[in-house]
Amino acid sequence: MTELNVVKLTKKERISVWWRSQFLQASWNYERMQNVGWAFAMMPAIKKLYHTKEDRALALKRHLEFFNTHPYVAAPIIGVTLTLEEEKAAGAPIDNAAIQGVKIGMMGPLAGVGDPIFWGTLRPVIGAFAASLALQGSIIGPLVFFFAWNIIRMSFLWYTQELGYRQGSNITQDLSGGVMQKITQGASILGMFIMGVLVPRWTTMNFPMVLSKVDVDKKSLVDFSGMITSANEGKLNVNSIREVINQINSGANVNPQKVTTLGDMFNQLIPGLMPLLLTLGCMWLLRKKVSPITIIFGLFVIGILGYVVGIFG
């Protein structure tokens, strides 16, 4: 068997392909979807591997066929394709159908993995964390989202492209062994855990409806007589103020009535319970294919009606 004289792509060319792959969807179209962005990403490799205008045109033409997957998991497919192009340029019996078959065979399963990891887990978690910082008035919030998201995204694209390039067509065996499914499940569990922690921080629900009013024992009320006397005399008595503060710290009541609201009852059960139930309810509606716009308007209507009857505040 004749050994193939394979021309290897240098790291410089692979970095150029990686950078161009950031714009995979820049020329998305309804006929062949991401094919233009894919061909644009492959151009540095095509120029290195093929030396005649005709060979480059043929290579570019086969990469203008239909292609569509999650934009961030296209990187390992690009890496495998680079290896196949190296072998084809060296004279290996690899035809256009074989290269296109590998692309089509990988893009479907990987698209199903990319959506829950990036759109369903990573982006909402980073966004929620950054939003919690922004709600506190910190400019770090949007900066954290911008840098964290892009560093993770671009690093993932580079390392998975290199993985595909090193493994070649053997990577399909790893993908079929359930590795990606386990990664997806683990990422989803971690994302749900973090979202559960963040929900009470950036979701506020107020229930001012009064359930009961109980008169407080006069002996347990704060004695303001010292402050009132000093105020009537037109001078500030520090000792009387200190005495009032000490009574409050020791648990004395300021109001003559103890008012229990609906919100107090919910907080006594489990703090943050109602925001969590609201979030889970919205997620359940989304799983039932209810439009997000419908959910938003529904929340508006429920909120207005609840405010009118005094349940929400």
Protein backbone atom coordinates (compact mmCIF):
# COMPACT_ATOMS: atom_id res chain seq x y z
CA MET A 1 0.00 0.00 0.00
CA THR A 2 1.41 3.38 -1.01
CA GLU A 3 1.89 5.77 1.88
CA LEU A 4 0.08 9.05 1.40
CA ASN A 5 2.12 12.24 1.37
CA VAL A 6 -0.30 14.24 3.49
CA VAL A 7 0.16 18.00 3.65
CA LYS A 8 -0.53 18.96 7.23
CA LEU A 9 -2.31 22.16 8.16
CA THR A 10 -0.30 24.30 10.52
CA LYS A 11 -1.67 25.80 13.70
CA LYS A 12 -1.80 29.17 11.96
CA GLU A 13 -4.23 27.86 9.33
CA ARG A 14 -6.33 26.07 11.92
CA ILE A 15 -6.56 29.26 13.98
CA SER A 16 -7.66 31.11 10.85
CA VAL A 17 -10.39 28.49 10.26
CA TRP A 18 -11.43 28.77 13.93
CA TRP A 19 -11.70 32.55 13.74
CA ARG A 20 -13.74 32.44 10.55
CA SER A 21 -16.08 29.86 12.09
CA GLN A 22 -17.27 32.58 14.52
CA PHE A 23 -19.23 33.97 11.55
CA LEU A 24 -20.86 30.68 10.58
CA GLN A 25 -24.34 32.21 10.54
CA ALA A 26 -23.41 35.59 9.06
CA SER A 27 -24.76 34.56 5.63
CA TRP A 28 -27.52 32.21 6.77
CA ASN A 29 -30.04 31.50 4.01
CA TYR A 30 -33.25 29.50 3.68
CA GLU A 31 -31.98 27.23 0.90
CA ARG A 32 -28.73 25.81 2.28
CA MET A 33 -28.67 27.59 5.65
CA GLN A 34 -25.08 27.77 7.00
CA ASN A 35 -23.29 26.65 3.82
CA VAL A 36 -21.79 30.07 2.95
CA GLY A 37 -20.41 30.55 6.47
CA TRP A 38 -19.03 27.00 6.39
CA ALA A 39 -17.27 27.56 3.04
CA PHE A 40 -15.91 30.87 4.33
CA ALA A 41 -14.42 29.10 7.36
CA MET A 42 -12.82 26.39 5.20
CA MET A 43 -11.09 28.80 2.80
CA PRO A 44 -7.69 28.98 4.61
CA ALA A 45 -7.45 25.15 4.55
CA ILE A 46 -8.52 24.95 0.89
CA LYS A 47 -5.87 27.47 -0.13
CA LYS A 48 -3.17 25.53 1.74
CA LEU A 49 -4.12 22.04 0.53
CA TYR A 50 -4.97 22.74 -3.13
CA HIS A 51 -2.73 24.66 -5.46
CA THR A 52 -4.67 24.98 -8.70
CA LYS A 53 -7.67 27.17 -9.32
CA GLU A 54 -9.72 24.18 -10.51
CA ASP A 55 -9.03 22.07 -7.39
CA ARG A 56 -9.85 24.99 -5.11
CA ALA A 57 -13.08 25.65 -6.97
CA LEU A 58 -14.12 22.00 -6.66
CA ALA A 59 -13.33 21.99 -2.93
CA LEU A 60 -15.24 25.21 -2.39
CA LYS A 61 -18.20 23.85 -4.37
CA ARG A 62 -18.53 20.72 -2.20
CA HIS A 63 -18.52 22.88 0.92
CA LEU A 64 -21.34 25.02 -0.43
CA GLU A 65 -23.74 22.11 -0.05
CA PHE A 66 -26.46 22.15 2.62
CA PHE A 67 -25.21 22.42 6.20
CA ASN A 68 -27.02 23.34 9.41
CA THR A 69 -26.31 22.65 13.07
CA HIS A 70 -25.91 24.53 16.33
CA PRO A 71 -23.24 27.18 15.56
CA TYR A 72 -21.10 26.28 18.59
CA VAL A 73 -20.96 22.53 18.03
CA ALA A 74 -19.99 22.88 14.38
CA ALA A 75 -16.35 23.07 15.50
CA PRO A 76 -15.70 19.30 15.89
CA ILE A 77 -17.30 18.74 12.48
CA ILE A 78 -14.95 21.35 11.03
CA GLY A 79 -12.00 19.57 12.64
CA VAL A 80 -12.97 16.18 11.19
CA THR A 81 -13.52 17.77 7.77
CA LEU A 82 -10.06 19.36 7.87
CA THR A 83 -8.54 15.92 8.39
CA LEU A 84 -10.56 14.46 5.51
CA GLU A 85 -9.50 17.31 3.24
CA GLU A 86 -5.86 16.70 4.12
CA GLU A 87 -6.18 13.04 3.16
CA LYS A 88 -8.12 13.81 -0.02
CA ALA A 89 -5.55 16.39 -1.11
CA ALA A 90 -2.85 13.73 -0.62
CA GLY A 91 -4.65 11.35 -2.97
CA ALA A 92 -6.72 9.20 -0.61
CA PRO A 93 -9.87 7.65 -2.17
CA ILE A 94 -12.27 10.07 -0.48
CA ASP A 95 -15.01 11.48 -2.68
CA ASN A 96 -17.32 14.45 -2.19
CA ALA A 97 -20.18 12.23 -1.01
CA ALA A 98 -18.03 10.79 1.80
CA ILE A 99 -17.11 14.25 3.14
CA GLN A 100 -20.70 15.47 2.88
CA GLY A 101 -21.91 12.25 4.54
CA VAL A 102 -19.68 12.83 7.56
CA LYS A 103 -20.93 16.41 7.88
CA ILE A 104 -24.59 15.40 7.64
CA GLY A 105 -24.12 12.43 9.97
CA MET A 106 -22.61 14.60 12.72
CA MET A 107 -24.61 17.81 12.43
CA GLY A 108 -27.92 16.30 13.56
CA PRO A 109 -26.85 14.65 16.84
CA LEU A 110 -24.60 17.56 17.78
CA ALA A 111 -27.37 20.10 17.17
CA GLY A 112 -29.51 18.25 19.72
CA VAL A 113 -26.68 18.55 22.25
CA GLY A 114 -25.81 22.20 21.60
CA ASP A 115 -29.28 23.62 22.23
CA PRO A 116 -29.76 22.38 25.83
CA ILE A 117 -26.15 23.07 26.84
CA PHE A 118 -25.72 26.57 25.41
CA TRP A 119 -29.22 28.02 24.93
CA GLY A 120 -30.96 26.08 27.71
CA THR A 121 -28.28 26.04 30.42
CA LEU A 122 -25.09 28.07 30.00
CA ARG A 123 -26.48 31.30 28.58
CA PRO A 124 -29.45 31.59 31.04
CA VAL A 125 -27.19 30.82 34.03
CA ILE A 126 -24.55 33.40 33.09
CA GLY A 127 -27.27 35.89 32.18
CA ALA A 128 -29.09 35.40 35.48
CA PHE A 129 -25.88 35.83 37.47
CA ALA A 130 -24.94 38.97 35.52
CA ALA A 131 -28.49 40.33 35.85
CA SER A 132 -28.37 39.89 39.63
CA LEU A 133 -25.22 42.04 39.70
CA ALA A 134 -26.78 44.64 37.39
CA LEU A 135 -29.92 44.87 39.56
CA GLN A 136 -27.66 45.87 42.45
CA GLY A 137 -26.41 48.79 40.35
CA SER A 138 -23.05 47.23 39.47
CA ILE A 139 -21.57 47.88 36.02
CA ILE A 140 -19.70 44.60 36.41
CA GLY A 141 -22.92 42.72 35.51
CA PRO A 142 -22.91 43.28 31.72
CA LEU A 143 -19.12 43.01 31.60
CA VAL A 144 -19.24 39.63 33.36
CA PHE A 145 -21.83 38.37 30.86
CA PHE A 146 -19.91 39.64 27.82
CA PHE A 147 -16.50 38.29 28.79
CA ALA A 148 -17.64 35.04 30.44
CA TRP A 149 -19.92 34.08 27.55
CA ASN A 150 -17.41 34.84 24.82
CA ILE A 151 -14.44 33.28 26.59
CA ILE A 152 -16.37 30.04 27.17
CA ARG A 153 -17.84 30.05 23.66
CA MET A 154 -14.61 30.76 21.80
CA SER A 155 -12.56 28.37 23.93
CA PHE A 156 -15.09 25.61 23.33
CA LEU A 157 -14.95 26.21 19.56
CA TRP A 158 -11.17 26.03 19.48
CA TYR A 159 -10.67 22.94 21.66
CA THR A 160 -13.47 20.94 20.05
CA GLN A 161 -12.19 21.84 16.58
CA GLU A 162 -8.75 20.56 17.61
CA LEU A 163 -10.37 17.43 19.06
CA GLY A 164 -12.12 16.74 15.77
CA TYR A 165 -8.93 17.43 13.83
CA ARG A 166 -6.84 15.02 15.92
CA GLN A 167 -9.44 12.26 16.10
CA GLY A 168 -10.58 12.49 12.48
CA SER A 169 -13.48 10.21 11.58
CA ASN A 170 -12.87 8.20 14.80
CA ILE A 171 -14.67 10.92 16.76
CA THR A 172 -18.00 9.55 15.56
CA GLN A 173 -17.40 6.48 17.77
CA ASP A 174 -17.03 8.72 20.83
CA LEU A 175 -20.19 10.60 19.98
CA SER A 176 -22.18 7.39 19.63
CA GLY A 177 -20.94 6.03 22.98
CA GLY A 178 -23.25 8.23 25.03
CA VAL A 179 -20.55 10.71 26.10
CA MET A 180 -22.40 13.75 24.76
CA GLN A 181 -25.65 12.60 26.33
CA LYS A 182 -23.97 12.37 29.74
CA ILE A 183 -22.44 15.83 29.31
CA THR A 184 -25.84 17.23 28.36
CA GLN A 185 -27.54 15.66 31.38
CA GLY A 186 -24.85 16.87 33.79
CA ALA A 187 -24.94 20.41 32.39
CA SER A 188 -28.74 20.49 32.67
CA ILE A 189 -28.65 19.37 36.33
CA LEU A 190 -25.98 21.94 37.19
CA GLY A 191 -27.88 24.67 35.37
CA MET A 192 -31.13 23.90 37.18
CA PHE A 193 -29.32 23.92 40.53
CA ILE A 194 -27.76 27.34 39.88
CA MET A 195 -31.03 28.74 38.54
CA GLY A 196 -32.80 27.55 41.70
CA VAL A 197 -30.26 29.45 43.81
CA LEU A 198 -30.55 32.63 41.75
CA VAL A 199 -34.36 32.75 41.40
CA PRO A 200 -35.04 34.22 44.90
CA ARG A 201 -32.35 36.85 44.31
CA TRP A 202 -33.77 38.40 41.15
CA THR A 203 -37.46 37.54 41.47
CA THR A 204 -39.50 39.56 43.99
CA MET A 205 -43.13 38.82 44.83
CA ASN A 206 -45.04 40.88 47.38
CA PHE A 207 -48.28 39.66 49.00
CA PRO A 208 -49.60 42.50 51.23
CA MET A 209 -53.06 40.97 51.79
CA VAL A 210 -53.73 41.07 55.55
CA LEU A 211 -54.74 37.74 57.05
CA SER A 212 -54.95 38.71 60.70
CA LYS A 213 -54.46 41.56 63.16
CA VAL A 214 -53.73 40.79 66.83
CA ASP A 215 -53.44 43.37 69.61
CA VAL A 216 -50.03 43.28 71.26
CA ASP A 217 -49.70 43.17 75.06
CA LYS A 218 -48.96 46.70 76.26
CA LYS A 219 -46.16 45.38 78.46
CA SER A 220 -44.28 44.24 75.34
CA LEU A 221 -44.53 47.61 73.56
CA VAL A 222 -41.58 49.98 73.29
CA ASP A 223 -41.76 52.80 75.85
CA PHE A 224 -41.39 56.09 73.94
CA SER A 225 -42.25 58.29 76.94
CA GLY A 226 -38.63 59.35 77.51
CA MET A 227 -38.22 60.51 73.91
CA ILE A 228 -41.58 62.30 73.94
CA THR A 229 -40.66 64.15 77.13
CA SER A 230 -37.30 65.27 75.77
CA ALA A 231 -38.92 66.33 72.49
CA ASN A 232 -41.49 68.44 74.37
CA GLU A 233 -38.68 70.11 76.33
CA GLY A 234 -37.00 70.99 73.03
CA LYS A 235 -33.75 69.13 73.65
CA LEU A 236 -32.30 65.80 72.55
CA ASN A 237 -31.86 63.19 75.25
CA VAL A 238 -29.32 60.63 74.08
CA ASN A 239 -30.07 58.26 76.92
CA SER A 240 -33.77 58.06 76.00
CA ILE A 241 -32.89 57.29 72.38
CA ARG A 242 -30.43 54.61 73.52
CA GLU A 243 -33.11 53.09 75.75
CA VAL A 244 -35.59 52.85 72.86
CA ILE A 245 -32.98 51.18 70.65
CA ASN A 246 -32.18 48.65 73.38
CA GLN A 247 -35.87 47.80 73.78
CA ILE A 248 -36.25 47.22 70.04
CA ASN A 249 -33.14 45.03 69.95
CA SER A 250 -34.48 42.98 72.84
CA GLY A 251 -37.65 42.15 70.87
CA ALA A 252 -40.13 44.76 72.05
CA ASN A 253 -42.92 45.63 69.62
CA VAL A 254 -43.17 49.05 68.00
CA ASN A 255 -46.71 48.66 66.64
CA PRO A 256 -49.71 48.08 68.94
CA GLN A 257 -50.99 45.40 66.54
CA LYS A 258 -49.23 42.41 65.02
CA VAL A 259 -50.25 42.19 61.35
CA THR A 260 -49.81 38.91 59.48
CA THR A 261 -49.87 39.16 55.69
CA LEU A 262 -50.11 36.49 53.03
CA GLY A 263 -46.45 37.09 52.24
CA ASP A 264 -45.49 36.46 55.86
CA MET A 265 -47.29 33.12 55.77
CA PHE A 266 -45.48 32.05 52.59
CA ASN A 267 -42.11 33.10 54.03
CA GLN A 268 -42.77 31.14 57.20
CA LEU A 269 -43.39 28.00 55.12
CA ILE A 270 -40.33 28.27 52.83
CA PRO A 271 -38.55 31.57 52.06
CA GLY A 272 -38.55 32.19 48.31
CA LEU A 273 -41.19 29.51 47.69
CA MET A 274 -43.54 31.60 45.54
CA PRO A 275 -40.85 32.94 43.11
CA LEU A 276 -39.66 29.36 42.67
CA LEU A 277 -43.20 28.10 41.98
CA LEU A 278 -43.71 30.94 39.49
CA THR A 279 -40.49 30.00 37.67
CA LEU A 280 -41.39 26.31 37.58
CA GLY A 281 -44.87 27.19 36.32
CA CYS A 282 -43.45 29.25 33.47
CA MET A 283 -41.06 26.42 32.58
CA TRP A 284 -43.95 23.94 32.56
CA LEU A 285 -45.92 26.19 30.20
CA LEU A 286 -42.91 26.49 27.89
CA ARG A 287 -42.60 22.70 27.79
CA LYS A 288 -46.29 22.59 26.82
CA LYS A 289 -45.39 24.79 23.80
CA VAL A 290 -47.13 27.87 25.18
CA SER A 291 -45.77 31.00 23.52
CA PRO A 292 -43.47 33.15 25.72
CA ILE A 293 -45.44 36.22 24.59
CA THR A 294 -48.64 34.58 25.85
CA ILE A 295 -46.98 33.84 29.21
CA ILE A 296 -45.74 37.44 29.55
CA PHE A 297 -49.16 38.94 28.81
CA GLY A 298 -50.76 36.37 31.12
CA LEU A 299 -48.48 37.49 33.95
CA PHE A 300 -49.42 41.10 33.26
CA VAL A 301 -53.13 40.29 33.50
CA ILE A 302 -52.74 38.19 36.67
CA GLY A 303 -50.58 40.88 38.27
CA ILE A 304 -53.08 43.66 37.52
CA LEU A 305 -56.05 41.67 38.75
CA GLY A 306 -54.15 40.60 41.87
CA TYR A 307 -53.24 44.21 42.61
CA VAL A 308 -56.87 45.34 42.21
CA VAL A 309 -58.18 42.76 44.70
CA GLY A 310 -55.25 43.37 47.07
CA ILE A 311 -53.40 40.05 46.76
CA PHE A 312 -50.31 41.50 45.07
CA GLY A 313 -48.54 44.69 45.94
